[in-house]
Protein backbone atom coordinates (compact mmCIF):
# COMPACT_ATOMS: atom_id res chain seq x y z
CA MET A 1 -16.22 9.09 11.44
CA ARG A 2 -15.75 8.21 15.07
CA GLN A 3 -18.52 9.33 17.42
CA THR A 4 -17.45 10.13 20.93
CA VAL A 5 -19.89 11.13 23.68
CA HIS A 6 -18.35 13.44 26.26
CA GLN A 7 -19.57 13.52 29.83
CA ASN A 8 -18.64 15.02 33.15
CA SER A 9 -17.75 12.48 35.78
CA ASN A 10 -18.82 12.46 39.42
CA GLY A 11 -16.05 9.94 40.05
CA ASN A 12 -13.37 12.56 39.55
CA ASN A 13 -11.97 14.28 42.65
CA GLY A 14 -12.97 17.89 42.14
CA ASN A 15 -12.04 19.08 45.63
CA ASN A 16 -9.36 21.61 46.50
CA ASP A 17 -6.70 18.92 46.80
CA ASN A 18 -3.46 20.85 46.17
CA ASP A 19 -2.96 18.79 43.05
CA ASN A 20 -1.09 21.51 41.12
CA ASP A 21 -3.25 20.74 38.12
CA ASN A 22 -3.08 24.35 36.84
CA ASN A 23 -6.36 24.21 34.99
CA ALA A 24 -5.43 27.43 33.19
CA SER A 25 -3.06 25.34 31.11
CA ASN A 26 -5.91 23.25 29.68
CA SER A 27 -6.75 24.63 26.27
CA GLY A 28 -10.50 23.95 26.46
CA ASN A 29 -10.33 22.65 22.90
CA ASN A 30 -8.78 19.72 21.15
CA GLY A 31 -5.83 21.64 19.74
CA ASN A 32 -6.94 21.42 16.12
CA ALA A 33 -5.18 24.73 15.31
CA LEU A 34 -1.81 23.18 16.15
CA ASP A 35 0.32 20.95 13.97
CA TRP A 36 0.53 17.68 15.88
CA GLN A 37 3.40 15.21 15.79
CA PRO A 38 3.62 11.82 17.46
CA GLY A 39 5.73 11.82 20.59
CA TRP A 40 5.12 8.20 21.56
CA ALA A 41 2.80 5.43 20.39
CA ALA A 42 1.98 1.75 20.93
CA SER A 43 -0.01 -0.69 18.83
CA VAL A 44 -3.13 -1.87 20.65
CA GLN A 45 -4.24 -5.50 20.96
CA ARG A 46 -7.18 -7.61 22.04
CA PRO A 47 -7.34 -8.43 25.75
CA SER A 48 -5.45 -11.66 26.39
CA VAL A 49 -3.43 -13.50 29.01
CA GLY A 50 -0.04 -12.76 27.46
CA PHE A 51 3.43 -13.88 28.53
CA HIS A 52 3.35 -11.86 31.76
CA ASP A 53 0.57 -11.38 34.29
CA ASN A 54 -1.57 -8.44 33.22
CA TRP A 55 -4.92 -6.79 33.96
CA ALA A 56 -6.36 -6.84 30.44
CA LEU A 57 -9.04 -9.51 30.92
CA GLU A 58 -10.22 -8.31 34.34
CA GLY A 59 -10.15 -4.61 33.47
CA PHE A 60 -10.54 -1.89 36.09
CA ALA A 61 -13.17 -0.60 38.53
CA ASP A 62 -12.70 2.32 40.95
CA GLN A 63 -8.99 2.17 40.20
CA THR A 64 -6.28 4.46 38.87
CA VAL A 65 -3.75 3.18 36.34
CA ARG A 66 -0.47 5.07 36.02
CA GLN A 67 1.68 4.54 32.91
CA VAL A 68 5.12 5.90 32.05
CA VAL A 69 6.22 6.58 28.48
CA ARG A 70 9.35 8.16 27.04
CA VAL A 71 8.71 10.55 24.16
CA THR A 72 11.16 10.97 21.30
CA GLY A 73 9.72 14.23 19.98
CA SER A 74 9.35 17.65 21.57
CA GLY A 75 6.72 20.33 21.89
CA THR A 76 5.03 23.01 23.95
CA ALA A 77 1.65 21.28 24.07
CA ALA A 78 0.59 17.68 24.60
CA ARG A 79 -2.48 15.48 24.31
CA ILE A 80 -3.15 11.76 24.65
CA VAL A 81 -4.97 9.22 22.49
CA LEU A 82 -7.08 6.59 24.26
CA SER A 83 -8.33 3.50 22.43
CA ASN A 84 -11.29 1.23 23.07
CA ARG A 85 -10.73 -0.58 19.78
CA TYR A 86 -11.31 -4.06 21.20
CA GLY A 87 -13.89 -3.15 23.82
CA THR A 88 -17.34 -4.68 23.52
CA GLU A 89 -18.99 -1.91 25.57
CA PRO A 90 -18.46 1.86 25.85
CA LEU A 91 -15.48 2.77 28.04
CA GLU A 92 -15.97 5.41 30.70
CA VAL A 93 -12.85 7.29 31.72
CA ALA A 94 -13.66 9.33 34.81
CA GLY A 95 -10.51 11.45 34.71
CA ALA A 96 -6.97 11.69 33.43
CA THR A 97 -3.76 13.56 34.23
CA LEU A 98 -0.37 14.10 32.64
CA ALA A 99 2.78 14.76 34.68
CA ARG A 100 6.54 14.65 34.53
CA THR A 101 7.81 11.30 35.75
CA GLY A 102 9.47 10.93 39.13
CA GLU A 103 10.74 7.72 40.70
CA GLY A 104 8.69 4.60 40.00
CA ALA A 105 5.01 5.50 40.22
CA GLY A 106 5.83 8.92 41.61
CA VAL A 107 5.55 12.15 39.62
CA ARG A 108 7.28 15.47 40.06
CA ALA A 109 5.45 17.88 42.36
CA GLY A 110 3.94 20.86 40.62
CA THR A 111 3.77 19.19 37.20
CA VAL A 112 0.40 17.40 37.34
CA ARG A 113 -1.97 18.61 34.60
CA ARG A 114 -5.61 17.60 34.38
CA LEU A 115 -6.53 16.37 30.93
CA LEU A 116 -9.96 17.36 29.64
CA PHE A 117 -12.03 15.90 26.83
CA GLY A 118 -14.08 18.49 24.97
CA GLY A 119 -13.84 20.59 28.12
CA ALA A 120 -15.13 17.80 30.38
CA ALA A 121 -13.21 15.90 33.03
CA GLY A 122 -14.41 12.51 31.80
CA VAL A 123 -15.15 10.86 28.50
CA ARG A 124 -17.18 7.94 27.18
CA ILE A 125 -15.48 6.11 24.32
CA PRO A 126 -17.73 3.85 22.23
CA ALA A 127 -16.79 0.24 21.57
CA GLY A 128 -14.28 0.21 18.75
CA GLY A 129 -13.53 3.92 19.09
CA GLU A 130 -10.73 6.19 20.21
CA VAL A 131 -10.54 9.74 21.50
CA ARG A 132 -7.98 12.50 21.83
CA SER A 133 -7.82 14.67 24.91
CA ASP A 134 -7.77 18.43 24.77
CA ALA A 135 -4.34 20.01 24.56
CA VAL A 136 -2.44 21.08 27.65
CA GLU A 137 0.44 23.53 27.63
CA VAL A 138 3.59 21.76 28.75
CA ALA A 139 7.17 22.05 27.53
CA VAL A 140 8.36 18.58 26.57
CA ALA A 141 11.94 17.80 25.57
CA PRO A 142 13.11 14.80 23.50
CA PHE A 143 13.64 11.65 25.60
CA GLU A 144 11.66 13.03 28.53
CA SER A 145 9.47 10.58 30.43
CA LEU A 146 5.84 11.49 31.01
CA THR A 147 3.34 9.79 33.30
CA VAL A 148 -0.27 9.36 32.22
CA SER A 149 -2.79 8.48 34.95
CA LEU A 150 -6.30 7.25 34.15
CA TYR A 151 -9.10 6.82 36.68
CA PHE A 152 -11.94 4.37 36.01
CA ALA A 153 -14.81 4.87 38.45
CA ARG A 154 -16.97 2.14 36.93
CA PRO A 155 -16.05 -1.34 35.64
CA THR A 156 -14.36 -1.14 32.26
CA GLY A 157 -14.67 -4.74 31.18
CA PRO A 158 -11.70 -6.29 29.36
CA ALA A 159 -9.14 -3.69 28.36
CA THR A 160 -7.70 -2.85 24.97
CA PHE A 161 -3.98 -2.94 25.69
CA HIS A 162 -0.41 -3.46 24.53
CA ALA A 163 0.83 -6.67 26.08
CA GLN A 164 4.61 -6.40 26.10
CA ALA A 165 5.53 -2.87 27.11
CA TYR A 166 8.89 -3.57 28.77
CA ALA A 167 7.87 -0.69 31.03
CA THR A 168 6.14 -0.86 34.41
CA ALA A 169 2.49 0.20 34.78
CA TYR A 170 1.05 0.84 38.24
CA ARG A 171 -2.41 0.42 39.77
CA ALA A 172 -4.05 1.90 42.87
CA ALA A 173 -7.50 1.67 44.43
CA GLY A 174 -9.68 4.75 44.11
CA ASP A 175 -9.01 8.11 42.47
CA ARG A 176 -5.28 8.74 42.76
CA LEU A 177 -4.93 10.95 39.70
CA THR A 178 -3.17 13.76 41.52
CA ASP A 179 -1.01 11.77 43.95
CA THR A 180 2.61 12.77 43.49
CA GLY A 181 3.98 9.97 45.65
CA PRO A 182 4.08 6.30 44.71
CA ALA A 183 2.75 4.80 47.95
CA ALA A 184 -0.80 4.03 46.79
CA PHE A 185 0.36 2.25 43.64
CA GLY A 186 1.15 -1.15 45.08
CA GLU A 187 0.35 -3.31 42.04
CA THR A 188 2.38 -3.50 38.83
CA THR A 189 2.44 -5.11 35.40
CA VAL A 190 4.52 -4.57 32.26
CA SER A 191 1.69 -3.75 29.84
CA TRP A 192 0.03 -0.51 28.69
CA TYR A 193 -3.76 -0.12 28.92
CA PHE A 194 -6.02 1.97 26.65
CA LEU A 195 -3.16 4.40 25.97
CA ALA A 196 -2.35 4.43 22.24
CA ALA A 197 -0.35 7.63 21.77
CA VAL A 198 1.03 10.83 23.20
CA GLU A 199 1.03 13.63 20.62
CA LEU A 200 3.04 16.84 20.81
CA ALA A 201 2.80 20.22 19.07
CA ASP A 202 4.48 23.61 19.03
CA ASP A 203 4.16 26.88 17.13
CA GLY A 204 6.75 25.91 14.51
CA PRO A 205 6.10 24.83 10.93
CA ALA A 206 4.53 21.47 10.25
CA ARG A 207 7.07 18.64 10.11
CA ARG A 208 7.06 15.33 8.26
CA ASP A 209 10.02 13.48 9.66
CA THR A 210 8.59 10.77 11.93
CA VAL A 211 10.21 7.35 11.69
CA VAL A 212 8.13 4.25 12.48
CA VAL A 213 9.64 0.86 13.28
CA PHE A 214 7.07 -1.82 12.58
CA GLY A 215 6.92 -5.55 13.15
CA ASP A 216 6.91 -8.30 15.77
CA SER A 217 8.68 -8.93 19.08
CA LEU A 218 12.07 -8.01 17.63
CA THR A 219 10.68 -4.51 17.15
CA ASP A 220 8.59 -4.58 20.34
CA GLY A 221 11.76 -5.23 22.35
CA PHE A 222 11.42 -8.76 23.73
CA GLY A 223 14.53 -9.50 25.80
CA SER A 224 15.32 -5.85 26.54
CA THR A 225 15.64 -4.61 30.11
CA ILE A 226 12.35 -3.46 31.65
CA ASP A 227 12.17 0.32 32.25
CA ALA A 228 15.54 0.86 30.54
CA ASN A 229 14.26 1.91 27.10
CA GLY A 230 16.54 -0.66 25.52
CA ARG A 231 14.52 -1.51 22.40
CA TYR A 232 16.07 -0.94 19.00
CA ALA A 233 13.57 1.88 18.38
CA ASP A 234 14.95 3.67 21.44
CA ALA A 235 18.53 3.19 20.27
CA LEU A 236 17.63 4.41 16.78
CA ALA A 237 16.07 7.60 18.17
CA GLU A 238 19.16 8.21 20.28
CA ARG A 239 21.43 7.62 17.29
CA LEU A 240 19.48 10.11 15.20
CA ALA A 241 19.75 12.68 17.99
CA GLU A 242 23.50 12.13 18.32
CA ARG A 243 23.83 12.93 14.63
CA GLY A 244 21.97 16.19 15.16
CA GLY A 245 18.68 14.98 13.73
CA VAL A 246 16.23 14.69 16.63
CA ARG A 247 13.13 13.05 15.17
CA PRO A 248 10.14 11.20 16.58
CA VAL A 249 10.66 7.43 16.38
CA LEU A 250 7.54 5.35 17.04
CA ASN A 251 7.63 1.68 18.01
CA GLN A 252 4.68 -0.13 16.39
CA GLY A 253 5.83 -3.65 17.13
CA ILE A 254 3.66 -6.35 18.68
CA GLY A 255 5.27 -9.41 20.22
CA GLY A 256 4.30 -12.55 18.29
CA ASN A 257 2.81 -10.56 15.41
CA LEU A 258 2.43 -12.27 12.05
CA LEU A 259 2.65 -10.70 8.62
CA LEU A 260 -0.19 -12.74 7.12
CA SER A 261 -2.45 -14.03 9.96
CA ASP A 262 -4.49 -12.43 12.73
CA SER A 263 -3.92 -13.79 16.23
CA ALA A 264 -6.01 -13.58 19.39
CA TRP A 265 -2.78 -13.29 21.37
CA PHE A 266 -0.50 -11.38 19.05
CA GLY A 267 -2.61 -8.80 17.30
CA GLU A 268 -4.05 -8.14 13.88
CA ARG A 269 -1.81 -9.28 11.02
CA ALA A 270 0.88 -6.75 10.12
CA ALA A 271 -0.47 -6.33 6.60
CA GLY A 272 -3.90 -5.51 8.07
CA ARG A 273 -2.79 -2.96 10.68
CA PHE A 274 -0.13 -1.24 8.56
CA ARG A 275 -2.32 1.68 7.53
CA ARG A 276 -3.68 2.34 11.01
CA ASP A 277 -0.39 1.96 12.88
CA VAL A 278 1.94 3.53 10.32
CA LEU A 279 0.47 5.41 7.39
CA ASP A 280 -2.30 7.18 9.32
CA ARG A 281 0.08 8.52 11.99
CA PRO A 282 0.71 12.26 11.56
CA GLY A 283 3.98 13.36 10.03
CA VAL A 284 5.34 9.93 9.04
CA ARG A 285 8.29 10.09 6.63
CA SER A 286 9.71 6.55 6.77
CA VAL A 287 9.10 3.06 8.14
CA VAL A 288 11.43 0.17 8.92
CA VAL A 289 9.70 -3.21 8.56
CA LEU A 290 10.88 -6.34 10.39
CA VAL A 291 8.29 -9.13 10.40
CA GLY A 292 7.89 -12.69 9.14
CA LEU A 293 9.79 -14.76 11.69
CA ASN A 294 6.57 -15.97 13.35
CA ASP A 295 4.88 -16.79 10.04
CA ILE A 296 7.86 -19.06 9.38
CA GLY A 297 8.25 -20.50 12.87
CA PHE A 298 4.73 -20.99 14.22
CA SER A 299 3.99 -23.74 11.69
CA GLU A 300 6.88 -25.81 13.05
CA ILE A 301 5.33 -26.52 16.47
CA ASP A 302 1.85 -27.19 17.82
CA LEU A 303 1.09 -24.91 20.78
CA PRO A 304 -2.21 -23.15 21.52
CA THR A 305 -0.51 -19.75 21.62
CA TYR A 306 1.03 -20.30 18.18
CA LYS A 307 -2.33 -20.49 16.43
CA PRO A 308 -3.14 -19.89 13.66
CA ASN A 309 -0.06 -21.58 12.27
CA PRO A 310 -0.53 -22.27 8.56
CA ASP A 311 2.53 -23.43 6.66
CA ARG A 312 3.42 -20.21 4.85
CA SER A 313 5.80 -20.31 1.91
CA ALA A 314 8.54 -17.77 1.27
CA ASP A 315 6.59 -16.63 -1.80
CA GLU A 316 3.53 -15.90 0.34
CA LEU A 317 5.67 -13.80 2.67
CA ILE A 318 7.16 -11.91 -0.25
CA ALA A 319 3.64 -11.15 -1.49
CA GLY A 320 2.84 -9.79 1.97
CA TYR A 321 5.90 -7.52 1.90
CA ARG A 322 4.86 -6.27 -1.51
CA GLU A 323 1.48 -5.29 -0.04
CA LEU A 324 3.26 -3.17 2.57
CA ILE A 325 5.55 -1.63 -0.04
CA ALA A 326 2.61 -0.68 -2.26
CA GLY A 327 0.80 0.95 0.66
CA ALA A 328 3.85 2.94 1.69
CA ARG A 329 4.56 4.12 -1.85
CA ALA A 330 0.95 5.25 -2.32
CA ALA A 331 1.24 7.30 0.88
CA GLY A 332 4.62 8.80 -0.04
CA VAL A 333 6.36 7.04 2.85
CA ARG A 334 9.86 5.57 2.43
CA ILE A 335 9.99 1.89 3.39
CA VAL A 336 13.09 0.05 4.60
CA GLY A 337 13.11 -3.76 4.68
CA GLY A 338 14.77 -5.48 7.63
CA THR A 339 16.23 -8.97 7.17
CA ILE A 340 14.92 -11.68 9.52
CA LEU A 341 17.36 -12.50 12.31
CA PRO A 342 18.91 -15.98 12.61
CA PHE A 343 17.22 -18.24 15.16
CA LYS A 344 19.11 -21.54 15.24
CA GLY A 345 18.55 -23.21 18.62
CA ALA A 346 15.10 -21.68 19.07
CA GLU A 347 12.11 -23.98 19.50
CA TYR A 348 10.88 -23.55 15.94
CA HIS A 349 14.13 -23.64 14.02
CA THR A 350 14.14 -26.49 11.45
CA PRO A 351 15.86 -26.97 8.09
CA GLY A 352 12.60 -26.04 6.38
CA ALA A 353 12.17 -22.87 8.43
CA GLU A 354 15.79 -21.91 7.80
CA ALA A 355 15.35 -22.37 4.05
CA LYS A 356 12.37 -19.99 4.09
CA ARG A 357 14.27 -17.39 6.13
CA ARG A 358 17.19 -17.55 3.72
CA LYS A 359 14.98 -17.19 0.64
CA VAL A 360 13.09 -14.24 2.13
CA ASN A 361 16.29 -12.49 3.20
CA ASP A 362 17.88 -13.02 -0.20
CA TRP A 363 14.84 -11.36 -1.79
CA ILE A 364 14.89 -8.44 0.67
CA ARG A 365 18.58 -7.81 -0.03
CA ALA A 366 18.60 -8.29 -3.80
CA SER A 367 15.16 -7.45 -5.19
CA GLY A 368 15.45 -3.67 -4.96
CA GLU A 369 11.76 -3.44 -4.09
CA PHE A 370 12.28 -1.75 -0.75
CA ASP A 371 13.68 1.79 -0.78
CA ALA A 372 16.57 0.53 1.36
CA VAL A 373 17.61 -2.52 3.39
CA ALA A 374 18.60 -2.83 7.05
CA ASP A 375 20.58 -6.06 7.20
CA PHE A 376 19.86 -6.98 10.80
CA ALA A 377 20.61 -10.65 10.14
CA ALA A 378 24.16 -9.96 8.97
CA ALA A 379 24.80 -7.55 11.85
CA LEU A 380 23.81 -10.01 14.60
CA ALA A 381 24.75 -13.39 13.14
CA ASP A 382 27.44 -15.58 14.64
CA PRO A 383 30.46 -15.18 12.31
CA GLY A 384 31.09 -18.92 12.56
CA ASP A 385 27.47 -19.95 12.02
CA PRO A 386 25.23 -17.49 10.14
CA GLU A 387 22.13 -19.49 11.09
CA ALA A 388 22.61 -18.49 14.76
CA LEU A 389 22.71 -15.26 16.73
CA ALA A 390 26.15 -14.31 18.00
CA ALA A 391 26.34 -15.39 21.65
CA ARG A 392 27.01 -11.87 22.93
CA PHE A 393 23.74 -10.64 21.41
CA ASP A 394 21.53 -13.59 22.43
CA SER A 395 19.07 -12.80 25.24
CA GLY A 396 18.91 -16.53 25.99
CA ASP A 397 16.15 -17.86 23.74
CA HIS A 398 18.31 -17.91 20.57
CA LYS A 399 15.98 -15.64 18.58
CA HIS A 400 15.80 -12.33 20.48
CA PRO A 401 18.74 -10.09 21.24
CA GLY A 402 19.28 -8.26 24.51
CA ASP A 403 20.03 -4.57 24.96
CA GLU A 404 23.43 -4.76 23.24
CA GLY A 405 21.98 -6.55 20.25
CA TYR A 406 19.20 -4.00 19.91
CA ARG A 407 21.80 -1.22 19.84
CA VAL A 408 23.59 -3.05 17.03
CA MET A 409 20.30 -3.36 15.16
CA ALA A 410 19.86 0.42 15.37
CA GLU A 411 23.36 0.85 13.97
CA ALA A 412 22.43 -1.35 11.00
CA VAL A 413 19.86 1.21 9.83
CA ASP A 414 21.27 3.66 7.29
CA LEU A 415 20.12 7.03 8.64
CA ALA A 416 20.27 8.54 5.16
CA ALA A 417 17.63 6.02 4.07
CA LEU A 418 15.17 7.54 6.53
């Protein structure tokens, strides 16, 4: 069991500051009587440099971080999940707020809600731990954007984070939890920090219809437009809604993730984090798995960021998929296998790598071991050269699609299989 020590924080601005925080809407408890569903989630990683400048290694001190997420569920109450999984010291959060998103770092006036933790304004999260806030009453519609602000009065040390958010995070000096305007938030990155989930609940019956998309950068959304919600998970949620089946769709991708190896840069191996990031999420009904490209490709080149890079065989990858399938079946979760996209022209495409991709994809399509197959490779391949992405889908690196390609990937998922 996780042990979390709650504490009040002197760093929080408790003055009469016209912050519209409507403390009456804080439940004063953790909402255990409600049936909670995921509204949004991200897989957390060790602090690292990453592909873009970020604040993970330096952490925060007397600063407010403001993060925008788009939920795909709905509810009348909300709470957040904060993670210190990769922290080496306890994390002190001096205060937190939730608001409806405005422009940029701004939030809509009158919507700021203080988040409490066991009735206290602040919380101390032990190294390796996570905590849920108390519930706040707030009507949240599908595809609404919410802004979570966290104030750290004391140095946090390196930050547990999600490196490639494809969404802008904002930072300001001091306690700016209740600012509605964006002026103080002059620094930005495209990562999420400490925020692992936003959960939603209402008074309706318990639901078990959450879809999780799980894998590497092709799931994470590499190549999609920042702040445009252009990942294939976003397109899949929109497609479900258009068909009259609004359901939470969680993106549990990590850029660079490997099926079989842990990475300091790219997260715990997919087979190792599958239970935490998929099966242990509330209300999960189905998962779409797309991973293995990096296990194939990293061994083809020698770069520090592509370590570890053992030469994995197609049979080893198939064994890894079978581990995921067994876990999903034991949990009563439907599992859909996604074929690995073509990547001819990318830095680690070789005849040997292509042979592995082809063997793995043939097994995914023909083995019948997954409950269903999403043939992403066939949907995005160049008709004249099936080893390459079609030019109109290529984001420019010959292995990741752009926004249009991600929409096509969402269309390749059979909704009935979910």
